[in-house]
Amino acid sequence: MTTKIKKTYYTEDERILRVWDIEDIKDLMGRRGFYVASDMRREELNDLWVNSPKYRKTASLGSNWGYYVGMDNISNYYVVKHIADRQKVLDAYCAAHPGVENRRENLGYGCMSFHPVGTPLVVLSGDGYTAKGNWYVAGQDSTWQPGGPAECRWINDRLAVDFVKENGQWKIWHLVISNDLQIVAGEDLNNKPTIPVPGTDPIENEFLAGNPTIKMQTHNPVMNWSDGYPFFLTPYFHFEDEISYGPEGHPNIDKYQEK
């Protein structure tokens, strides 16, 4: 159960620090957006995510289809697998365009990804040690396709994040990227099936191909946001597992563990 703040007194200096913390968190997520656009995924994990053993073990990256838990598992999916996928695109691109060198510096050639964050909603814990945030993303991914133009997709996501302060700096601890919509640019949305056909969503296929630690449905986009996840932020005093955006805080985690 969430521990709500009914009334807490803060001195003027404490209030200023709390405002500063919220601005730092907004800056952190804005910075992450530029890391994503620059394909700096390894740098993102090193610079913006938790580093201490205490939090690395329980860090998580979630999507509609489950969670990667632990920084090593997150890195293997988010960085190592991504680089291998980019290499396959570069191999095909170089085969079709001999003038482009097949070298590490050219990874991402013919690809573009931009996911700007908007509508920031940040709640700082009463004790000041953790924070939670929601953002919305209207982004796009473009990937070169052999024998034709790039495939460009509009991608709408809701980000839900837990933050913790390490050595005076805010870091990402749990991040859920809940996808609401993905569609090829120029396609008629009316032609998309109301109920997605399993195996036809490229975002789902890419996420599951990395073998997530926990495979479960976290968010059902057919239900819009009425499925209650990611849950809406409310004031809280101290972080508890029940309000985590990691798997331990998902309302259906008990049903998953019973299987």
Protein backbone atom coordinates (compact mmCIF):
# COMPACT_ATOMS: atom_id res chain seq x y z
CA MET A 1 0.00 0.00 0.00
CA THR A 2 1.27 3.47 -0.86
CA THR A 3 2.33 5.60 2.08
CA LYS A 4 0.70 8.95 1.34
CA ILE A 5 1.84 12.26 2.70
CA LYS A 6 -0.94 13.96 4.63
CA LYS A 7 1.06 16.87 5.98
CA THR A 8 4.79 17.42 6.07
CA TYR A 9 6.65 20.56 7.06
CA TYR A 10 9.70 21.62 5.07
CA THR A 11 11.93 24.56 5.78
CA GLU A 12 12.45 27.12 3.04
CA ASP A 13 15.89 25.65 2.24
CA GLU A 14 14.41 22.15 2.05
CA ARG A 15 11.70 23.35 -0.32
CA ILE A 16 14.32 24.88 -2.62
CA LEU A 17 16.30 21.63 -2.63
CA ARG A 18 13.18 19.64 -3.46
CA VAL A 19 12.38 21.91 -6.39
CA TRP A 20 15.99 21.57 -7.53
CA ASP A 21 15.74 17.76 -7.31
CA ILE A 22 12.67 17.72 -9.54
CA GLU A 23 14.44 19.90 -12.12
CA ASP A 24 17.46 17.58 -12.00
CA ILE A 25 15.19 14.62 -12.74
CA LYS A 26 13.59 16.42 -15.69
CA ASP A 27 17.08 17.21 -16.99
CA LEU A 28 18.08 13.56 -16.58
CA MET A 29 15.20 12.33 -18.73
CA GLY A 30 15.78 15.04 -21.33
CA ARG A 31 19.42 13.95 -21.47
CA ARG A 32 18.33 10.35 -21.94
CA GLY A 33 16.29 11.43 -24.98
CA PHE A 34 19.43 12.79 -26.62
CA TYR A 35 21.39 9.64 -25.73
CA VAL A 36 18.69 7.55 -27.44
CA ALA A 37 18.74 9.78 -30.52
CA SER A 38 22.54 9.48 -30.71
CA ASP A 39 22.42 5.69 -30.27
CA MET A 40 24.55 6.07 -27.14
CA ARG A 41 22.95 3.20 -25.27
CA ARG A 42 26.05 2.00 -23.44
CA GLU A 43 26.79 5.56 -22.34
CA GLU A 44 23.19 5.89 -21.19
CA LEU A 45 23.48 2.87 -18.90
CA ASN A 46 26.86 3.98 -17.58
CA ASP A 47 25.98 7.65 -17.02
CA LEU A 48 22.27 7.76 -16.23
CA TRP A 49 21.39 4.44 -14.58
CA VAL A 50 22.19 3.13 -11.10
CA ASN A 51 25.77 2.03 -10.43
CA SER A 52 25.89 0.68 -6.88
CA PRO A 53 25.57 -3.13 -6.39
CA LYS A 54 22.56 -2.59 -4.13
CA TYR A 55 20.50 -1.13 -6.96
CA ARG A 56 22.12 -2.78 -10.00
CA LYS A 57 20.71 -6.15 -8.93
CA THR A 58 17.11 -4.89 -8.82
CA ALA A 59 17.24 -2.43 -11.72
CA SER A 60 14.74 -3.21 -14.47
CA LEU A 61 13.75 -2.26 -18.00
CA GLY A 62 10.16 -3.12 -18.83
CA SER A 63 7.84 -3.02 -21.81
CA ASN A 64 4.36 -4.35 -22.63
CA TRP A 65 5.69 -7.91 -22.65
CA GLY A 66 7.79 -8.19 -19.51
CA TYR A 67 10.97 -7.02 -17.81
CA TYR A 68 14.71 -7.35 -18.01
CA VAL A 69 15.97 -7.40 -14.42
CA GLY A 70 19.51 -6.59 -13.30
CA MET A 71 21.92 -4.24 -15.06
CA ASP A 72 23.80 -7.12 -16.72
CA ASN A 73 20.60 -8.47 -18.29
CA ILE A 74 19.52 -4.97 -19.28
CA SER A 75 22.90 -4.35 -20.92
CA ASN A 76 22.84 -7.66 -22.81
CA TYR A 77 19.45 -6.77 -24.29
CA TYR A 78 19.59 -2.98 -24.58
CA VAL A 79 23.21 -2.69 -25.75
CA VAL A 80 24.73 -6.00 -26.92
CA LYS A 81 21.67 -7.24 -28.83
CA HIS A 82 21.02 -3.77 -30.24
CA ILE A 83 24.58 -3.52 -31.60
CA ALA A 84 24.20 -6.97 -33.21
CA ASP A 85 20.92 -5.86 -34.83
CA ARG A 86 22.53 -2.67 -36.08
CA GLN A 87 25.43 -4.71 -37.49
CA LYS A 88 23.02 -6.82 -39.57
CA VAL A 89 21.55 -3.64 -41.07
CA LEU A 90 25.02 -2.28 -41.79
CA ASP A 91 26.11 -5.55 -43.42
CA ALA A 92 23.15 -5.40 -45.80
CA TYR A 93 23.63 -1.68 -46.45
CA CYS A 94 27.31 -2.09 -47.29
CA ALA A 95 26.52 -4.99 -49.61
CA ALA A 96 24.12 -2.72 -51.52
CA HIS A 97 26.37 0.37 -51.28
CA PRO A 98 30.03 -0.62 -51.65
CA GLY A 99 31.12 2.97 -51.02
CA VAL A 100 30.12 2.68 -47.34
CA GLU A 101 32.76 1.05 -45.12
CA ASN A 102 31.67 -1.79 -42.87
CA ARG A 103 33.21 -0.58 -39.65
CA ARG A 104 31.99 0.02 -36.12
CA GLU A 105 31.86 3.79 -36.58
CA ASN A 106 29.18 3.31 -39.23
CA LEU A 107 26.78 1.32 -37.05
CA GLY A 108 23.40 2.93 -37.41
CA TYR A 109 24.02 4.01 -41.00
CA GLY A 110 20.61 4.39 -42.65
CA CYS A 111 18.84 4.33 -39.28
CA MET A 112 17.31 7.09 -37.17
CA SER A 113 15.57 7.02 -33.81
CA PHE A 114 14.15 9.94 -31.87
CA HIS A 115 11.88 9.68 -28.84
CA PRO A 116 11.46 13.13 -27.25
CA VAL A 117 9.87 13.17 -23.80
CA GLY A 118 6.98 15.49 -22.95
CA THR A 119 4.29 16.16 -20.31
CA PRO A 120 6.64 15.65 -17.33
CA LEU A 121 5.03 14.53 -14.09
CA VAL A 122 7.49 14.06 -11.22
CA VAL A 123 6.72 13.12 -7.62
CA LEU A 124 9.51 13.35 -5.06
CA SER A 125 9.26 11.08 -2.03
CA GLY A 126 8.65 12.72 1.31
CA ASP A 127 11.99 11.46 2.63
CA GLY A 128 13.81 12.76 -0.47
CA TYR A 129 15.67 9.53 -1.28
CA THR A 130 13.60 8.39 -4.27
CA ALA A 131 11.32 9.84 -6.90
CA LYS A 132 8.86 8.68 -9.54
CA GLY A 133 8.02 10.15 -12.92
CA ASN A 134 5.78 9.80 -15.97
CA TRP A 135 6.43 11.15 -19.44
CA TYR A 136 4.79 10.68 -22.82
CA VAL A 137 6.73 10.05 -26.02
CA ALA A 138 5.61 10.72 -29.58
CA GLY A 139 8.61 9.27 -31.36
CA GLN A 140 9.76 7.58 -34.52
CA ASP A 141 12.16 4.87 -35.67
CA SER A 142 13.49 4.62 -39.20
CA THR A 143 15.51 1.66 -40.49
CA TRP A 144 16.96 1.16 -43.96
CA GLN A 145 15.46 -1.79 -45.83
CA PRO A 146 17.30 -3.75 -48.56
CA GLY A 147 15.86 -3.08 -51.98
CA GLY A 148 13.71 -0.16 -50.94
CA PRO A 149 13.30 2.97 -48.81
CA ALA A 150 13.65 3.01 -45.05
CA GLU A 151 10.81 1.67 -42.95
CA CYS A 152 9.61 4.54 -40.79
CA ARG A 153 7.34 3.98 -37.81
CA TRP A 154 5.49 6.35 -35.52
CA ILE A 155 5.82 5.10 -31.97
CA ASN A 156 3.86 6.41 -28.98
CA ASP A 157 5.03 5.36 -25.53
CA ARG A 158 4.30 6.19 -21.92
CA LEU A 159 7.42 6.17 -19.76
CA ALA A 160 7.17 5.29 -16.08
CA VAL A 161 10.34 5.64 -14.04
CA ASP A 162 11.65 5.11 -10.51
CA PHE A 163 14.67 7.18 -9.54
CA VAL A 164 17.07 6.87 -6.64
CA LYS A 165 19.76 9.27 -5.47
CA GLU A 166 23.28 7.82 -5.54
CA ASN A 167 26.15 9.90 -4.17
CA GLY A 168 24.06 13.03 -4.53
CA GLN A 169 23.00 12.34 -8.14
CA TRP A 170 19.65 11.10 -9.40
CA LYS A 171 19.80 7.84 -11.36
CA ILE A 172 17.30 5.69 -13.26
CA TRP A 173 16.42 2.56 -11.27
CA HIS A 174 13.31 1.12 -12.94
CA LEU A 175 12.13 2.18 -16.40
CA VAL A 176 8.96 0.95 -18.11
CA ILE A 177 8.35 1.83 -21.76
CA SER A 178 4.64 1.10 -22.28
CA ASN A 179 3.83 1.19 -25.97
CA ASP A 180 0.40 2.53 -26.92
CA LEU A 181 0.80 2.66 -30.69
CA GLN A 182 3.21 1.78 -33.46
CA ILE A 183 2.37 2.17 -37.13
CA VAL A 184 4.30 2.51 -40.37
CA ALA A 185 4.29 6.11 -41.56
CA GLY A 186 1.65 6.58 -44.24
CA GLU A 187 -0.46 3.59 -43.23
CA ASP A 188 -4.13 4.08 -42.47
CA LEU A 189 -4.70 3.50 -38.77
CA ASN A 190 -8.22 2.28 -39.60
CA ASN A 191 -6.67 -0.69 -41.38
CA LYS A 192 -4.85 -1.94 -38.28
CA PRO A 193 -6.64 -4.78 -36.50
CA THR A 194 -8.30 -3.82 -33.24
CA ILE A 195 -6.83 -6.91 -31.58
CA PRO A 196 -3.14 -7.22 -32.52
CA VAL A 197 -2.14 -10.50 -34.15
CA PRO A 198 0.58 -12.20 -32.05
CA GLY A 199 3.97 -12.12 -33.71
CA THR A 200 3.18 -9.21 -36.04
CA ASP A 201 4.29 -6.35 -33.78
CA PRO A 202 7.97 -5.57 -34.54
CA ILE A 203 8.46 -3.90 -31.14
CA GLU A 204 7.12 -6.99 -29.38
CA ASN A 205 9.27 -9.31 -31.50
CA GLU A 206 12.39 -7.26 -30.85
CA PHE A 207 11.78 -7.14 -27.08
CA LEU A 208 11.07 -10.87 -26.74
CA ALA A 209 14.01 -11.85 -28.96
CA GLY A 210 16.33 -10.76 -26.16
CA ASN A 211 14.75 -13.29 -23.76
CA PRO A 212 13.47 -11.02 -20.97
CA THR A 213 13.91 -12.10 -17.35
CA ILE A 214 10.16 -11.99 -16.81
CA LYS A 215 7.73 -12.60 -19.67
CA MET A 216 4.26 -11.28 -18.89
CA GLN A 217 1.77 -8.80 -20.24
CA THR A 218 2.29 -5.58 -18.33
CA HIS A 219 0.20 -3.17 -20.43
CA ASN A 220 -2.53 -3.95 -22.93
CA PRO A 221 -2.76 -1.09 -25.46
CA VAL A 222 -6.18 -2.33 -26.63
CA MET A 223 -7.46 -1.25 -23.22
CA ASN A 224 -5.82 2.16 -23.63
CA TRP A 225 -4.92 3.19 -20.08
CA SER A 226 -7.93 1.59 -18.41
CA ASP A 227 -5.86 -1.50 -17.59
CA GLY A 228 -4.31 0.60 -14.83
CA TYR A 229 -0.66 0.20 -15.80
CA PRO A 230 1.59 2.09 -15.59
CA PHE A 231 -0.31 3.33 -12.56
CA PHE A 232 -0.84 7.04 -12.02
CA LEU A 233 1.47 8.83 -9.60
CA THR A 234 0.37 9.88 -6.13
CA PRO A 235 2.36 11.47 -3.29
CA TYR A 236 4.29 9.03 -1.12
CA PHE A 237 6.71 9.29 1.78
CA HIS A 238 8.96 6.24 1.48
CA PHE A 239 9.60 3.83 -1.41
CA GLU A 240 7.94 0.42 -1.11
CA ASP A 241 7.89 -2.55 -3.49
CA GLU A 242 4.13 -2.20 -3.98
CA ILE A 243 4.57 1.15 -5.73
CA SER A 244 7.63 0.15 -7.75
CA TYR A 245 7.70 0.39 -11.54
CA GLY A 246 9.84 -2.73 -11.38
CA PRO A 247 8.14 -6.13 -11.72
CA GLU A 248 7.55 -6.36 -7.96
CA GLY A 249 5.12 -3.44 -8.22
CA HIS A 250 3.01 -4.75 -11.11
CA PRO A 251 -0.56 -5.51 -9.94
CA ASN A 252 -0.49 -8.93 -11.67
CA ILE A 253 2.95 -10.09 -10.53
CA ASP A 254 1.43 -12.57 -8.04
CA LYS A 255 -0.57 -14.23 -10.83
CA TYR A 256 2.60 -14.48 -12.92
CA GLN A 257 4.55 -16.07 -10.06
CA GLU A 258 1.79 -18.64 -9.50
CA LYS A 259 2.21 -20.03 -13.01
